[in-house]
Amino acid sequence: MVTHICPICRRAHEVREARAQVAYGRQFTCSPECESERRRRRRHYPAQPLVVGEPKRAASGLQRLRAYAAKSLHMWVISATGADLVRAAGWMRSTHPFG
């Protein structure tokens, strides 16, 4: 048996080795009541990311313009590709009629 500490009530309790292997470092709760409390807390307070990143701001106006242009270019490429696919589908339908 392996000793785990309940994350809710902080009591030590025994866990079978097979079950401890699938815990992946987490601590199991000691009772169904503690498990329901853990789930309730998890629902109301979802986990925060380990590293909270600050929003990145470009250092200069030129870098902001470059980032905007890259984003606009990306959207243009997606739109143009979609339009080409639609145009090609229309051309295929007109040259090879069904029926």
Protein backbone atom coordinates (compact mmCIF):
# COMPACT_ATOMS: atom_id res chain seq x y z
CA MET A 1 0.00 0.00 0.00
CA VAL A 2 1.08 3.55 -0.74
CA THR A 3 0.32 6.51 1.49
CA HIS A 4 -1.51 9.45 -0.05
CA ILE A 5 -2.63 12.67 1.59
CA CYS A 6 -6.17 13.82 0.87
CA PRO A 7 -6.06 17.23 -0.85
CA ILE A 8 -9.31 18.27 0.88
CA CYS A 9 -9.03 17.23 4.51
CA ARG A 10 -5.22 16.68 4.59
CA ARG A 11 -5.52 13.23 6.23
CA ALA A 12 -3.12 10.42 5.28
CA HIS A 13 -4.72 7.28 3.87
CA GLU A 14 -3.58 4.10 2.17
CA VAL A 15 -3.99 3.54 -1.58
CA ARG A 16 -3.33 0.31 -3.45
CA GLU A 17 -0.18 0.27 -5.55
CA ALA A 18 -2.03 -0.34 -8.82
CA ARG A 19 -4.21 2.71 -8.20
CA ALA A 20 -1.23 4.81 -7.10
CA GLN A 21 0.52 4.06 -10.41
CA VAL A 22 -2.27 5.69 -12.39
CA ALA A 23 -2.35 8.76 -10.13
CA TYR A 24 0.49 10.39 -12.13
CA GLY A 25 1.65 12.39 -9.11
CA ARG A 26 -1.81 13.52 -7.98
CA GLN A 27 -3.10 12.70 -4.54
CA PHE A 28 -6.33 10.73 -4.25
CA THR A 29 -9.09 11.80 -1.89
CA CYS A 30 -9.84 9.67 1.15
CA SER A 31 -13.64 9.42 0.90
CA PRO A 32 -16.55 9.99 -1.49
CA GLU A 33 -17.45 13.17 0.43
CA CYS A 34 -13.96 14.59 -0.10
CA GLU A 35 -14.11 13.57 -3.78
CA SER A 36 -17.39 15.41 -4.30
CA GLU A 37 -15.94 18.47 -2.55
CA ARG A 38 -12.84 18.31 -4.78
CA ARG A 39 -15.04 18.19 -7.89
CA ARG A 40 -17.15 21.08 -6.62
CA ARG A 41 -14.04 23.18 -6.02
CA ARG A 42 -12.67 22.27 -9.43
CA ARG A 43 -15.91 23.38 -11.09
CA HIS A 44 -16.00 26.72 -9.31
CA TYR A 45 -12.27 27.44 -9.41
CA PRO A 46 -10.75 26.06 -12.61
CA ALA A 47 -6.99 25.61 -12.68
CA GLN A 48 -4.92 28.61 -13.65
CA PRO A 49 -2.06 28.23 -16.12
CA LEU A 50 1.32 27.63 -14.52
CA VAL A 51 2.89 30.58 -16.31
CA VAL A 52 0.81 33.67 -16.85
CA GLY A 53 2.13 35.51 -19.86
CA GLU A 54 1.88 39.23 -20.25
CA PRO A 55 0.38 40.54 -23.46
CA LYS A 56 3.22 41.33 -25.82
CA ARG A 57 3.40 44.80 -27.21
CA ALA A 58 5.65 45.70 -30.11
CA ALA A 59 8.52 47.95 -29.21
CA SER A 60 8.03 50.43 -32.03
CA GLY A 61 5.42 51.63 -34.48
CA LEU A 62 7.25 49.90 -37.32
CA GLN A 63 7.05 46.55 -35.55
CA ARG A 64 3.33 47.08 -34.87
CA LEU A 65 2.82 47.89 -38.55
CA ARG A 66 4.79 44.80 -39.56
CA ALA A 67 2.68 42.60 -37.27
CA TYR A 68 -0.54 44.12 -38.64
CA ALA A 69 0.63 43.60 -42.23
CA ALA A 70 1.54 39.97 -41.54
CA LYS A 71 -1.88 39.35 -40.01
CA SER A 72 -3.61 41.06 -42.93
CA LEU A 73 -1.52 39.11 -45.43
CA HIS A 74 -2.42 35.88 -43.69
CA MET A 75 -6.13 36.70 -43.93
CA TRP A 76 -5.73 37.68 -47.58
CA VAL A 77 -4.01 34.38 -48.42
CA ILE A 78 -6.78 32.41 -46.72
CA SER A 79 -9.46 34.39 -48.56
CA ALA A 80 -7.70 34.09 -51.92
CA THR A 81 -7.21 30.36 -51.50
CA GLY A 82 -10.86 29.91 -50.65
CA ALA A 83 -11.90 31.96 -53.67
CA ASP A 84 -9.61 29.91 -55.92
CA LEU A 85 -11.17 26.70 -54.66
CA VAL A 86 -14.66 28.00 -55.32
CA ARG A 87 -13.65 29.22 -58.77
CA ALA A 88 -12.02 25.86 -59.59
CA ALA A 89 -15.09 23.96 -58.42
CA GLY A 90 -17.31 26.14 -60.62
CA TRP A 91 -15.04 25.63 -63.61
CA MET A 92 -14.99 21.86 -63.08
CA ARG A 93 -18.78 21.76 -62.88
CA SER A 94 -19.18 23.83 -66.06
CA THR A 95 -16.73 21.75 -68.15
CA HIS A 96 -17.92 18.35 -66.87
CA PRO A 97 -21.69 18.56 -66.52
CA PHE A 98 -23.36 15.78 -64.61
CA GLY A 99 -26.05 13.70 -66.17
